[in-house]
Amino acid sequence: ADARACVVDVCTQRSLGGERVALSYGIDR
């Protein structure tokens, strides 16, 4: 649980950025 909390904390501080994709490539994004 503590390890998961550490990972979530790091992930929330970093942005993945964005990209524009065609609808045909949008599934599950």
PDB file of all heavy atoms in Angstrom:
ATOM      1  N   ALA A   1       0.834  -1.212   0.000  1.00  0.00           N
ATOM      2  CA  ALA A   1       0.000   0.000   0.000  1.00  0.00           C
ATOM      3  C   ALA A   1       0.861   1.253   0.000  1.00  0.00           C
ATOM      4  O   ALA A   1       0.591   2.213  -0.733  1.00  0.00           O
ATOM      5  CB  ALA A   1      -0.933  -0.015   1.202  1.00  0.00           C
ATOM      6  N   ASP A   2       1.957   1.249   0.814  1.00  0.00           N
ATOM      7  CA  ASP A   2       2.851   2.412   0.858  1.00  0.00           C
ATOM      8  C   ASP A   2       3.591   2.572  -0.468  1.00  0.00           C
ATOM      9  O   ASP A   2       3.787   3.692  -0.957  1.00  0.00           O
ATOM     10  CB  ASP A   2       3.853   2.284   2.005  1.00  0.00           C
ATOM     11  CG  ASP A   2       3.199   2.468   3.368  1.00  0.00           C
ATOM     12  OD1 ASP A   2       2.074   3.011   3.399  1.00  0.00           O
ATOM     13  OD2 ASP A   2       3.803   2.070   4.374  1.00  0.00           O
ATOM     14  N   ALA A   3       4.011   1.459  -1.066  1.00  0.00           N
ATOM     15  CA  ALA A   3       4.701   1.516  -2.353  1.00  0.00           C
ATOM     16  C   ALA A   3       3.776   2.074  -3.428  1.00  0.00           C
ATOM     17  O   ALA A   3       4.165   2.924  -4.240  1.00  0.00           O
ATOM     18  CB  ALA A   3       5.193   0.116  -2.744  1.00  0.00           C
ATOM     19  N   ARG A   4       2.518   1.623  -3.414  1.00  0.00           N
ATOM     20  CA  ARG A   4       1.541   2.111  -4.389  1.00  0.00           C
ATOM     21  C   ARG A   4       1.320   3.612  -4.205  1.00  0.00           C
ATOM     22  O   ARG A   4       1.248   4.372  -5.171  1.00  0.00           O
ATOM     23  CB  ARG A   4       0.230   1.349  -4.238  1.00  0.00           C
ATOM     24  CG  ARG A   4      -0.812   1.732  -5.279  1.00  0.00           C
ATOM     25  CD  ARG A   4      -2.121   0.962  -5.127  1.00  0.00           C
ATOM     26  NE  ARG A   4      -1.946  -0.432  -5.476  1.00  0.00           N
ATOM     27  CZ  ARG A   4      -2.148  -1.454  -4.669  1.00  0.00           C
ATOM     28  NH1 ARG A   4      -2.519  -1.238  -3.417  1.00  0.00           N
ATOM     29  NH2 ARG A   4      -1.978  -2.695  -5.065  1.00  0.00           N
ATOM     30  N   ALA A   5       1.231   4.058  -2.947  1.00  0.00           N
ATOM     31  CA  ALA A   5       1.030   5.481  -2.663  1.00  0.00           C
ATOM     32  C   ALA A   5       2.199   6.313  -3.181  1.00  0.00           C
ATOM     33  O   ALA A   5       2.013   7.404  -3.722  1.00  0.00           O
ATOM     34  CB  ALA A   5       0.839   5.692  -1.168  1.00  0.00           C
ATOM     35  N   CYS A   6       3.434   5.775  -3.052  1.00  0.00           N
ATOM     36  CA  CYS A   6       4.620   6.472  -3.566  1.00  0.00           C
ATOM     37  C   CYS A   6       4.557   6.616  -5.081  1.00  0.00           C
ATOM     38  O   CYS A   6       4.847   7.675  -5.638  1.00  0.00           O
ATOM     39  CB  CYS A   6       5.898   5.726  -3.175  1.00  0.00           C
ATOM     40  SG  CYS A   6       6.288   5.822  -1.422  1.00  0.00           S
ATOM     41  N   VAL A   7       4.169   5.537  -5.750  1.00  0.00           N
ATOM     42  CA  VAL A   7       4.083   5.556  -7.219  1.00  0.00           C
ATOM     43  C   VAL A   7       3.021   6.554  -7.672  1.00  0.00           C
ATOM     44  O   VAL A   7       3.241   7.359  -8.585  1.00  0.00           O
ATOM     45  CB  VAL A   7       3.773   4.140  -7.767  1.00  0.00           C
ATOM     46  CG1 VAL A   7       3.450   4.186  -9.246  1.00  0.00           C
ATOM     47  CG2 VAL A   7       4.942   3.205  -7.499  1.00  0.00           C
ATOM     48  N   VAL A   8       1.854   6.531  -7.018  1.00  0.00           N
ATOM     49  CA  VAL A   8       0.776   7.458  -7.374  1.00  0.00           C
ATOM     50  C   VAL A   8       1.225   8.892  -7.150  1.00  0.00           C
ATOM     51  O   VAL A   8       0.960   9.776  -7.967  1.00  0.00           O
ATOM     52  CB  VAL A   8      -0.507   7.139  -6.568  1.00  0.00           C
ATOM     53  CG1 VAL A   8      -1.543   8.242  -6.711  1.00  0.00           C
ATOM     54  CG2 VAL A   8      -1.090   5.802  -7.001  1.00  0.00           C
ATOM     55  N   ASP A   9       1.946   9.145  -6.053  1.00  0.00           N
ATOM     56  CA  ASP A   9       2.426  10.487  -5.747  1.00  0.00           C
ATOM     57  C   ASP A   9       3.361  10.998  -6.833  1.00  0.00           C
ATOM     58  O   ASP A   9       3.251  12.132  -7.286  1.00  0.00           O
ATOM     59  CB  ASP A   9       3.133  10.482  -4.381  1.00  0.00           C
ATOM     60  CG  ASP A   9       3.554  11.880  -3.958  1.00  0.00           C
ATOM     61  OD1 ASP A   9       2.697  12.780  -3.994  1.00  0.00           O
ATOM     62  OD2 ASP A   9       4.737  12.066  -3.607  1.00  0.00           O
ATOM     63  N   VAL A  10       4.286  10.155  -7.272  1.00  0.00           N
ATOM     64  CA  VAL A  10       5.221  10.550  -8.330  1.00  0.00           C
ATOM     65  C   VAL A  10       4.473  10.802  -9.635  1.00  0.00           C
ATOM     66  O   VAL A  10       4.717  11.781 -10.345  1.00  0.00           O
ATOM     67  CB  VAL A  10       6.313   9.470  -8.526  1.00  0.00           C
ATOM     68  CG1 VAL A  10       7.129   9.744  -9.774  1.00  0.00           C
ATOM     69  CG2 VAL A  10       7.215   9.408  -7.302  1.00  0.00           C
ATOM     70  N   CYS A  11       3.520   9.921  -9.948  1.00  0.00           N
ATOM     71  CA  CYS A  11       2.775  10.042 -11.207  1.00  0.00           C
ATOM     72  C   CYS A  11       1.924  11.300 -11.261  1.00  0.00           C
ATOM     73  O   CYS A  11       1.811  11.930 -12.309  1.00  0.00           O
ATOM     74  CB  CYS A  11       1.890   8.814 -11.420  1.00  0.00           C
ATOM     75  SG  CYS A  11       2.832   7.323 -11.783  1.00  0.00           S
ATOM     76  N   THR A  12       1.337  11.685 -10.122  1.00  0.00           N
ATOM     77  CA  THR A  12       0.479  12.871 -10.126  1.00  0.00           C
ATOM     78  C   THR A  12       1.287  14.156 -10.260  1.00  0.00           C
ATOM     79  O   THR A  12       0.745  15.186 -10.645  1.00  0.00           O
ATOM     80  CB  THR A  12      -0.380  12.946  -8.847  1.00  0.00           C
ATOM     81  OG1 THR A  12       0.459  12.845  -7.707  1.00  0.00           O
ATOM     82  CG2 THR A  12      -1.418  11.838  -8.818  1.00  0.00           C
ATOM     83  N   GLN A  13       2.586  14.083  -9.970  1.00  0.00           N
ATOM     84  CA  GLN A  13       3.433  15.264 -10.102  1.00  0.00           C
ATOM     85  C   GLN A  13       3.999  15.420 -11.507  1.00  0.00           C
ATOM     86  O   GLN A  13       4.599  16.438 -11.830  1.00  0.00           O
ATOM     87  CB  GLN A  13       4.588  15.194  -9.103  1.00  0.00           C
ATOM     88  CG  GLN A  13       4.131  15.280  -7.653  1.00  0.00           C
ATOM     89  CD  GLN A  13       5.290  15.095  -6.695  1.00  0.00           C
ATOM     90  OE1 GLN A  13       6.408  15.504  -6.976  1.00  0.00           O
ATOM     91  NE2 GLN A  13       5.023  14.479  -5.555  1.00  0.00           N
ATOM     92  N   ARG A  14       3.787  14.424 -12.344  1.00  0.00           N
ATOM     93  CA  ARG A  14       4.333  14.471 -13.705  1.00  0.00           C
ATOM     94  C   ARG A  14       3.200  14.406 -14.714  1.00  0.00           C
ATOM     95  O   ARG A  14       2.296  13.606 -14.593  1.00  0.00           O
ATOM     96  CB  ARG A  14       5.280  13.312 -13.941  1.00  0.00           C
ATOM     97  CG  ARG A  14       6.464  13.359 -13.016  1.00  0.00           C
ATOM     98  CD  ARG A  14       7.440  12.284 -13.333  1.00  0.00           C
ATOM     99  NE  ARG A  14       8.526  12.300 -12.377  1.00  0.00           N
ATOM    100  CZ  ARG A  14       9.588  11.562 -12.462  1.00  0.00           C
ATOM    101  NH1 ARG A  14       9.730  10.713 -13.461  1.00  0.00           N
ATOM    102  NH2 ARG A  14      10.540  11.643 -11.553  1.00  0.00           N
ATOM    103  N   SER A  15       3.258  15.283 -15.703  1.00  0.00           N
ATOM    104  CA  SER A  15       2.239  15.300 -16.751  1.00  0.00           C
ATOM    105  C   SER A  15       2.750  14.530 -17.960  1.00  0.00           C
ATOM    106  O   SER A  15       3.916  14.643 -18.340  1.00  0.00           O
ATOM    107  CB  SER A  15       1.934  16.747 -17.146  1.00  0.00           C
ATOM    108  OG  SER A  15       1.093  16.768 -18.260  1.00  0.00           O
ATOM    109  N   LEU A  16       1.863  13.760 -18.550  1.00  0.00           N
ATOM    110  CA  LEU A  16       2.251  12.994 -19.743  1.00  0.00           C
ATOM    111  C   LEU A  16       2.220  13.847 -20.995  1.00  0.00           C
ATOM    112  O   LEU A  16       2.734  13.448 -22.035  1.00  0.00           O
ATOM    113  CB  LEU A  16       1.294  11.803 -19.930  1.00  0.00           C
ATOM    114  CG  LEU A  16       1.415  10.691 -18.893  1.00  0.00           C
ATOM    115  CD1 LEU A  16       0.292   9.685 -19.084  1.00  0.00           C
ATOM    116  CD2 LEU A  16       2.763  10.000 -19.019  1.00  0.00           C
ATOM    117  N   GLY A  17       1.581  15.014 -20.924  1.00  0.00           N
ATOM    118  CA  GLY A  17       1.432  15.813 -22.127  1.00  0.00           C
ATOM    119  C   GLY A  17       0.313  15.246 -22.983  1.00  0.00           C
ATOM    120  O   GLY A  17      -0.317  14.252 -22.630  1.00  0.00           O
ATOM    121  N   GLY A  18       0.080  15.880 -24.090  1.00  0.00           N
ATOM    122  CA  GLY A  18      -1.006  15.424 -24.949  1.00  0.00           C
ATOM    123  C   GLY A  18      -0.559  15.243 -26.385  1.00  0.00           C
ATOM    124  O   GLY A  18       0.525  15.672 -26.769  1.00  0.00           O
ATOM    125  N   GLU A  19      -1.420  14.598 -27.144  1.00  0.00           N
ATOM    126  CA  GLU A  19      -1.186  14.452 -28.573  1.00  0.00           C
ATOM    127  C   GLU A  19      -2.530  14.356 -29.275  1.00  0.00           C
ATOM    128  O   GLU A  19      -3.529  13.953 -28.678  1.00  0.00           O
ATOM    129  CB  GLU A  19      -0.323  13.223 -28.877  1.00  0.00           C
ATOM    130  CG  GLU A  19      -0.928  11.901 -28.464  1.00  0.00           C
ATOM    131  CD  GLU A  19      -0.008  10.730 -28.771  1.00  0.00           C
ATOM    132  OE1 GLU A  19       0.822  10.848 -29.691  1.00  0.00           O
ATOM    133  OE2 GLU A  19      -0.138   9.695 -28.096  1.00  0.00           O
ATOM    134  N   ARG A  20      -2.554  14.750 -30.535  1.00  0.00           N
ATOM    135  CA  ARG A  20      -3.775  14.730 -31.334  1.00  0.00           C
ATOM    136  C   ARG A  20      -3.751  13.491 -32.205  1.00  0.00           C
ATOM    137  O   ARG A  20      -2.798  13.270 -32.943  1.00  0.00           O
ATOM    138  CB  ARG A  20      -3.826  15.998 -32.188  1.00  0.00           C
ATOM    139  CG  ARG A  20      -5.155  16.286 -32.801  1.00  0.00           C
ATOM    140  CD  ARG A  20      -5.170  17.725 -33.324  1.00  0.00           C
ATOM    141  NE  ARG A  20      -6.471  18.053 -33.845  1.00  0.00           N
ATOM    142  CZ  ARG A  20      -6.776  18.064 -35.127  1.00  0.00           C
ATOM    143  NH1 ARG A  20      -5.865  17.789 -36.030  1.00  0.00           N
ATOM    144  NH2 ARG A  20      -7.993  18.376 -35.523  1.00  0.00           N
ATOM    145  N   VAL A  21      -4.823  12.680 -32.111  1.00  0.00           N
ATOM    146  CA  VAL A  21      -4.891  11.453 -32.903  1.00  0.00           C
ATOM    147  C   VAL A  21      -6.211  11.398 -33.656  1.00  0.00           C
ATOM    148  O   VAL A  21      -7.204  12.019 -33.253  1.00  0.00           O
ATOM    149  CB  VAL A  21      -4.737  10.183 -32.021  1.00  0.00           C
ATOM    150  CG1 VAL A  21      -3.400  10.174 -31.305  1.00  0.00           C
ATOM    151  CG2 VAL A  21      -5.879  10.056 -31.028  1.00  0.00           C
ATOM    152  N   ALA A  22      -6.229  10.654 -34.746  1.00  0.00           N
ATOM    153  CA  ALA A  22      -7.463  10.430 -35.493  1.00  0.00           C
ATOM    154  C   ALA A  22      -8.405   9.584 -34.643  1.00  0.00           C
ATOM    155  O   ALA A  22      -7.955   8.777 -33.826  1.00  0.00           O
ATOM    156  CB  ALA A  22      -7.153   9.733 -36.814  1.00  0.00           C
ATOM    157  N   LEU A  23      -9.710   9.769 -34.847  1.00  0.00           N
ATOM    158  CA  LEU A  23     -10.678   8.994 -34.061  1.00  0.00           C
ATOM    159  C   LEU A  23     -10.434   7.505 -34.177  1.00  0.00           C
ATOM    160  O   LEU A  23     -10.630   6.763 -33.217  1.00  0.00           O
ATOM    161  CB  LEU A  23     -12.116   9.303 -34.517  1.00  0.00           C
ATOM    162  CG  LEU A  23     -12.728  10.617 -34.066  1.00  0.00           C
ATOM    163  CD1 LEU A  23     -14.222  10.606 -34.342  1.00  0.00           C
ATOM    164  CD2 LEU A  23     -12.477  10.897 -32.609  1.00  0.00           C
ATOM    165  N   SER A  24     -10.004   7.053 -35.348  1.00  0.00           N
ATOM    166  CA  SER A  24      -9.780   5.612 -35.539  1.00  0.00           C
ATOM    167  C   SER A  24      -8.665   5.078 -34.648  1.00  0.00           C
ATOM    168  O   SER A  24      -8.563   3.871 -34.437  1.00  0.00           O
ATOM    169  CB  SER A  24      -9.458   5.317 -37.010  1.00  0.00           C
ATOM    170  OG  SER A  24      -8.361   6.101 -37.440  1.00  0.00           O
ATOM    171  N   TYR A  25      -7.827   5.966 -34.096  1.00  0.00           N
ATOM    172  CA  TYR A  25      -6.759   5.553 -33.181  1.00  0.00           C
ATOM    173  C   TYR A  25      -7.072   5.954 -31.736  1.00  0.00           C
ATOM    174  O   TYR A  25      -6.225   5.842 -30.863  1.00  0.00           O
ATOM    175  CB  TYR A  25      -5.419   6.164 -33.593  1.00  0.00           C
ATOM    176  CG  TYR A  25      -4.901   5.622 -34.898  1.00  0.00           C
ATOM    177  CD1 TYR A  25      -5.052   6.347 -36.074  1.00  0.00           C
ATOM    178  CD2 TYR A  25      -4.293   4.373 -34.968  1.00  0.00           C
ATOM    179  CE1 TYR A  25      -4.602   5.847 -37.285  1.00  0.00           C
ATOM    180  CE2 TYR A  25      -3.839   3.868 -36.175  1.00  0.00           C
ATOM    181  CZ  TYR A  25      -4.001   4.610 -37.325  1.00  0.00           C
ATOM    182  OH  TYR A  25      -3.555   4.102 -38.523  1.00  0.00           O
ATOM    183  N   GLY A  26      -8.312   6.408 -31.489  1.00  0.00           N
ATOM    184  CA  GLY A  26      -8.653   6.920 -30.172  1.00  0.00           C
ATOM    185  C   GLY A  26      -9.170   5.893 -29.185  1.00  0.00           C
ATOM    186  O   GLY A  26      -9.301   6.200 -28.005  1.00  0.00           O
ATOM    187  N   ILE A  27      -9.434   4.676 -29.636  1.00  0.00           N
ATOM    188  CA  ILE A  27     -10.025   3.674 -28.747  1.00  0.00           C
ATOM    189  C   ILE A  27      -9.131   3.404 -27.537  1.00  0.00           C
ATOM    190  O   ILE A  27      -7.912   3.233 -27.671  1.00  0.00           O
ATOM    191  CB  ILE A  27     -10.330   2.354 -29.500  1.00  0.00           C
ATOM    192  CG1 ILE A  27     -11.184   1.406 -28.655  1.00  0.00           C
ATOM    193  CG2 ILE A  27      -9.073   1.673 -29.972  1.00  0.00           C
ATOM    194  CD1 ILE A  27     -12.586   1.827 -28.500  1.00  0.00           C
ATOM    195  N   ASP A  28      -9.726   3.437 -26.345  1.00  0.00           N
ATOM    196  CA  ASP A  28      -9.052   3.193 -25.068  1.00  0.00           C
ATOM    197  C   ASP A  28      -8.023   4.257 -24.686  1.00  0.00           C
ATOM    198  O   ASP A  28      -7.305   4.078 -23.703  1.00  0.00           O
ATOM    199  CB  ASP A  28      -8.397   1.805 -25.040  1.00  0.00           C
ATOM    200  CG  ASP A  28      -9.427   0.698 -24.903  1.00  0.00           C
ATOM    201  OD1 ASP A  28     -10.506   0.968 -24.342  1.00  0.00           O
ATOM    202  OD2 ASP A  28      -9.154  -0.426 -25.353  1.00  0.00           O
ATOM    203  N   ARG A  29      -7.964   5.365 -25.436  1.00  0.00           N
ATOM    204  CA  ARG A  29      -7.085   6.461 -25.030  1.00  0.00           C
ATOM    205  C   ARG A  29      -7.824   7.320 -23.999  1.00  0.00           C
ATOM    206  O   ARG A  29      -9.025   7.219 -23.821  1.00  0.00           O
ATOM    207  CB  ARG A  29      -6.685   7.313 -26.250  1.00  0.00           C
ATOM    208  CG  ARG A  29      -5.934   6.546 -27.335  1.00  0.00           C
ATOM    209  CD  ARG A  29      -4.589   6.020 -26.868  1.00  0.00           C
ATOM    210  NE  ARG A  29      -3.654   7.048 -26.477  1.00  0.00           N
ATOM    211  CZ  ARG A  29      -2.803   7.643 -27.317  1.00  0.00           C
ATOM    212  NH1 ARG A  29      -2.767   7.288 -28.598  1.00  0.00           N
ATOM    213  NH2 ARG A  29      -1.980   8.573 -26.873  1.00  0.00           N
TER     214      ARG A  29
END
